[in-house]
Amino acid sequence: MKPIVLASSSPRRRRLLRELGVNFSVRVPDLDECPLPGELPGPHVRRLALAKARAVAQGLAPGCGAQWILGADTVVVLDGRILGKPRDARDARGMLARLSGRTHEVLTGVALVPAAGGRARTAVVRSRVEMKPFDKATIRRYVAGGEPLDKAGAYAVQGRGRHLVARVSGSLSNVIGLPLERLQRLFATAGVRVG
């Protein structure tokens, strides 16, 4: 077992952690990611990041070598409403139609939980994304390629979806799924060496 365990199935988060030089393994938690009634986006992503990390921590054998479990959750927020991953292609088309020509927020919650128990470290990072106006034909072509189907808000700024984005204000890695700048500070406060 490596010292950091990533509690996520996201290939984007794995790639970002590798870019930081983090030595990690992956365990995927099984959680209901639906917002609670009346739950606001910031508390929602913080709760899920912490729940994912704690679920994985509980399943680790004592003395396995893991020191910290990293959980994360990302949502797109438009008009105060959370847009998660689309259920299907039709849902993806609807999300993209609502985002066209508008600015939205991307929130990522991160949680660093000690494997041996103790105080968790959490953060929520917000970025603003301005989308270009795009028509139904553009949406249909993009969705037909399959990229939006496992992405919050139905687009990938690191993929073909970058052509839909006019501007990102704040952390680009946050929009991809893991705010590296904030994560480095969390690692530093926890005494985790990276790079």
Protein backbone atom coordinates (compact mmCIF):
# COMPACT_ATOMS: atom_id res chain seq x y z
CA MET A 1 0.00 0.00 0.00
CA LYS A 2 1.30 3.45 -0.89
CA PRO A 3 1.27 6.31 1.69
CA ILE A 4 -1.61 8.15 -0.03
CA VAL A 5 -4.82 6.41 -1.06
CA LEU A 6 -7.02 8.22 -3.58
CA ALA A 7 -10.68 7.53 -2.85
CA SER A 8 -11.86 8.09 -6.42
CA SER A 9 -12.33 6.27 -9.71
CA SER A 10 -11.54 9.43 -11.72
CA PRO A 11 -8.73 9.03 -14.26
CA ARG A 12 -8.42 12.83 -14.29
CA ARG A 13 -7.67 12.95 -10.57
CA ARG A 14 -5.10 10.17 -10.97
CA ARG A 15 -3.38 12.12 -13.75
CA LEU A 16 -3.33 15.33 -11.69
CA LEU A 17 -1.87 13.54 -8.66
CA ARG A 18 0.84 12.00 -10.84
CA GLU A 19 1.68 15.50 -12.11
CA LEU A 20 2.28 16.51 -8.48
CA GLY A 21 4.62 13.57 -8.01
CA VAL A 22 2.40 11.89 -5.40
CA ASN A 23 2.99 8.21 -4.64
CA PHE A 24 -0.56 6.84 -4.34
CA SER A 25 -2.84 3.86 -4.74
CA VAL A 26 -6.57 3.89 -5.58
CA ARG A 27 -9.59 2.56 -3.70
CA VAL A 28 -13.07 3.40 -4.98
CA PRO A 29 -15.75 4.06 -2.37
CA ASP A 30 -19.37 3.07 -2.94
CA LEU A 31 -21.50 6.07 -1.91
CA ASP A 32 -24.75 7.77 -2.82
CA GLU A 33 -23.60 11.12 -4.23
CA CYS A 34 -27.02 12.80 -4.37
CA PRO A 35 -27.36 16.13 -2.56
CA LEU A 36 -29.33 16.09 0.68
CA PRO A 37 -32.60 18.06 0.67
CA GLY A 38 -31.74 21.77 0.83
CA GLU A 39 -27.98 21.12 0.81
CA LEU A 40 -25.93 23.96 -0.65
CA PRO A 41 -23.14 23.22 -3.15
CA GLY A 42 -20.18 24.05 -0.86
CA PRO A 43 -21.30 21.89 2.06
CA HIS A 44 -22.32 19.18 -0.43
CA VAL A 45 -18.86 18.76 -2.00
CA ARG A 46 -17.13 18.99 1.40
CA ARG A 47 -19.45 16.32 2.86
CA LEU A 48 -18.95 13.95 -0.07
CA ALA A 49 -15.16 14.38 -0.18
CA LEU A 50 -14.99 13.58 3.53
CA ALA A 51 -17.46 10.69 3.25
CA LYS A 52 -15.48 9.12 0.39
CA ALA A 53 -12.18 9.37 2.27
CA ARG A 54 -13.69 8.01 5.51
CA ALA A 55 -15.40 5.12 3.70
CA VAL A 56 -12.06 4.04 2.23
CA ALA A 57 -10.26 4.57 5.56
CA GLN A 58 -12.70 2.23 7.30
CA GLY A 59 -11.97 -0.50 4.78
CA LEU A 60 -8.19 -0.39 5.16
CA ALA A 61 -6.43 -3.06 7.18
CA PRO A 62 -4.43 -1.77 10.17
CA GLY A 63 -0.73 -1.54 9.38
CA CYS A 64 -1.34 -1.55 5.60
CA GLY A 65 1.15 1.28 5.08
CA ALA A 66 -1.35 3.95 4.06
CA GLN A 67 -0.95 7.23 5.95
CA TRP A 68 -3.61 9.46 4.37
CA ILE A 69 -6.77 8.99 2.32
CA LEU A 70 -7.69 11.70 -0.18
CA GLY A 71 -11.35 12.18 -1.11
CA ALA A 72 -12.69 14.69 -3.62
CA ASP A 73 -15.98 15.69 -5.19
CA THR A 74 -16.65 18.17 -8.01
CA VAL A 75 -19.90 19.79 -9.10
CA VAL A 76 -20.96 22.44 -11.58
CA VAL A 77 -23.29 25.08 -10.18
CA LEU A 78 -25.59 27.19 -12.34
CA ASP A 79 -28.11 29.61 -10.82
CA GLY A 80 -27.44 28.06 -7.40
CA ARG A 81 -28.35 24.56 -8.59
CA ILE A 82 -25.97 21.62 -8.68
CA LEU A 83 -25.36 19.97 -12.04
CA GLY A 84 -23.75 16.59 -11.46
CA LYS A 85 -22.90 13.98 -14.07
CA PRO A 86 -25.55 13.54 -16.75
CA ARG A 87 -27.74 10.43 -16.55
CA ASP A 88 -27.62 9.91 -20.31
CA ALA A 89 -27.04 11.70 -23.63
CA ARG A 90 -30.35 13.55 -23.46
CA ASP A 91 -29.53 14.87 -19.97
CA ALA A 92 -26.07 15.92 -21.22
CA ARG A 93 -27.61 17.86 -24.11
CA GLY A 94 -29.98 19.63 -21.70
CA MET A 95 -27.15 20.60 -19.33
CA LEU A 96 -25.03 21.98 -22.16
CA ALA A 97 -27.96 23.96 -23.56
CA ARG A 98 -28.40 25.61 -20.14
CA LEU A 99 -24.65 26.39 -19.87
CA SER A 100 -24.33 27.86 -23.39
CA GLY A 101 -23.24 31.53 -23.31
CA ARG A 102 -23.38 31.70 -19.51
CA THR A 103 -20.97 31.75 -16.57
CA HIS A 104 -21.13 29.07 -13.91
CA GLU A 105 -19.10 27.94 -10.92
CA VAL A 106 -17.18 24.71 -10.45
CA LEU A 107 -16.74 23.62 -6.83
CA THR A 108 -14.43 20.86 -5.67
CA GLY A 109 -14.32 19.63 -2.11
CA VAL A 110 -11.16 17.84 -0.99
CA ALA A 111 -10.61 15.92 2.23
CA LEU A 112 -7.39 14.47 3.60
CA VAL A 113 -8.16 11.88 6.28
CA PRO A 114 -5.44 10.20 8.40
CA ALA A 115 -5.55 6.42 8.06
CA ALA A 116 -4.78 5.97 11.77
CA GLY A 117 -7.56 8.31 12.86
CA GLY A 118 -7.31 11.94 13.87
CA ARG A 119 -8.21 15.32 12.45
CA ALA A 120 -9.23 15.51 8.81
CA ARG A 121 -8.20 18.45 6.67
CA THR A 122 -10.78 19.76 4.20
CA ALA A 123 -11.18 22.58 1.71
CA VAL A 124 -13.63 23.76 -0.93
CA VAL A 125 -12.29 25.54 -4.01
CA ARG A 126 -14.39 27.59 -6.44
CA SER A 127 -13.60 28.51 -10.03
CA ARG A 128 -15.72 30.46 -12.51
CA VAL A 129 -16.16 29.23 -16.07
CA GLU A 130 -17.53 31.37 -18.87
CA MET A 131 -18.94 29.31 -21.74
CA LYS A 132 -19.08 30.40 -25.36
CA PRO A 133 -22.51 30.48 -26.98
CA PHE A 134 -23.02 27.27 -28.97
CA ASP A 135 -25.91 25.87 -30.99
CA LYS A 136 -27.83 22.59 -30.83
CA ALA A 137 -25.80 21.05 -33.65
CA THR A 138 -22.56 21.71 -31.73
CA ILE A 139 -24.08 20.17 -28.60
CA ARG A 140 -25.28 17.09 -30.52
CA ARG A 141 -21.84 16.51 -32.08
CA TYR A 142 -20.06 16.92 -28.75
CA VAL A 143 -22.42 14.59 -26.87
CA ALA A 144 -22.29 12.00 -29.68
CA GLY A 145 -18.54 11.70 -29.08
CA GLY A 146 -19.25 10.40 -25.56
CA GLU A 147 -16.93 12.74 -23.65
CA PRO A 148 -19.63 14.50 -21.55
CA LEU A 149 -21.26 11.40 -20.09
CA ASP A 150 -19.09 10.99 -16.97
CA LYS A 151 -18.33 14.66 -16.34
CA ALA A 152 -19.99 17.07 -13.92
CA GLY A 153 -21.84 19.63 -16.04
CA ALA A 154 -21.43 17.41 -19.14
CA TYR A 155 -18.17 18.88 -20.42
CA ALA A 156 -14.42 18.32 -20.05
CA VAL A 157 -12.28 21.47 -20.11
CA GLN A 158 -9.20 19.26 -20.58
CA GLY A 159 -10.72 17.49 -23.60
CA ARG A 160 -12.75 18.49 -26.65
CA GLY A 161 -14.99 20.49 -24.31
CA ARG A 162 -12.27 23.17 -24.11
CA HIS A 163 -13.68 24.50 -27.40
CA LEU A 164 -16.92 25.32 -25.57
CA VAL A 165 -15.15 27.36 -22.88
CA ALA A 166 -14.39 31.08 -23.30
CA ARG A 167 -12.54 31.67 -20.00
CA VAL A 168 -11.69 30.08 -16.65
CA SER A 169 -11.20 32.33 -13.62
CA GLY A 170 -9.42 30.61 -10.77
CA SER A 171 -7.87 27.16 -10.66
CA LEU A 172 -8.01 25.25 -13.95
CA SER A 173 -7.08 21.99 -12.21
CA ASN A 174 -10.10 22.55 -9.94
CA VAL A 175 -12.35 22.55 -13.02
CA ILE A 176 -10.69 19.29 -14.13
CA GLY A 177 -11.43 17.76 -10.71
CA LEU A 178 -8.62 18.39 -8.20
CA PRO A 179 -7.44 21.86 -7.09
CA LEU A 180 -3.68 21.21 -7.05
CA GLU A 181 -2.68 24.54 -5.51
CA ARG A 182 -4.93 24.04 -2.46
CA LEU A 183 -4.11 20.35 -2.29
CA GLN A 184 -0.39 21.14 -2.04
CA ARG A 185 -1.13 23.38 0.96
CA LEU A 186 -3.20 20.61 2.59
CA PHE A 187 -0.37 18.15 2.04
CA ALA A 188 2.09 20.62 3.59
CA THR A 189 -0.03 21.09 6.73
CA ALA A 190 -0.28 17.30 7.03
CA GLY A 191 3.47 16.82 6.58
CA VAL A 192 3.00 14.91 3.30
CA ARG A 193 5.99 15.31 0.97
CA VAL A 194 5.29 15.42 -2.75
CA GLY A 195 7.41 15.78 -5.87
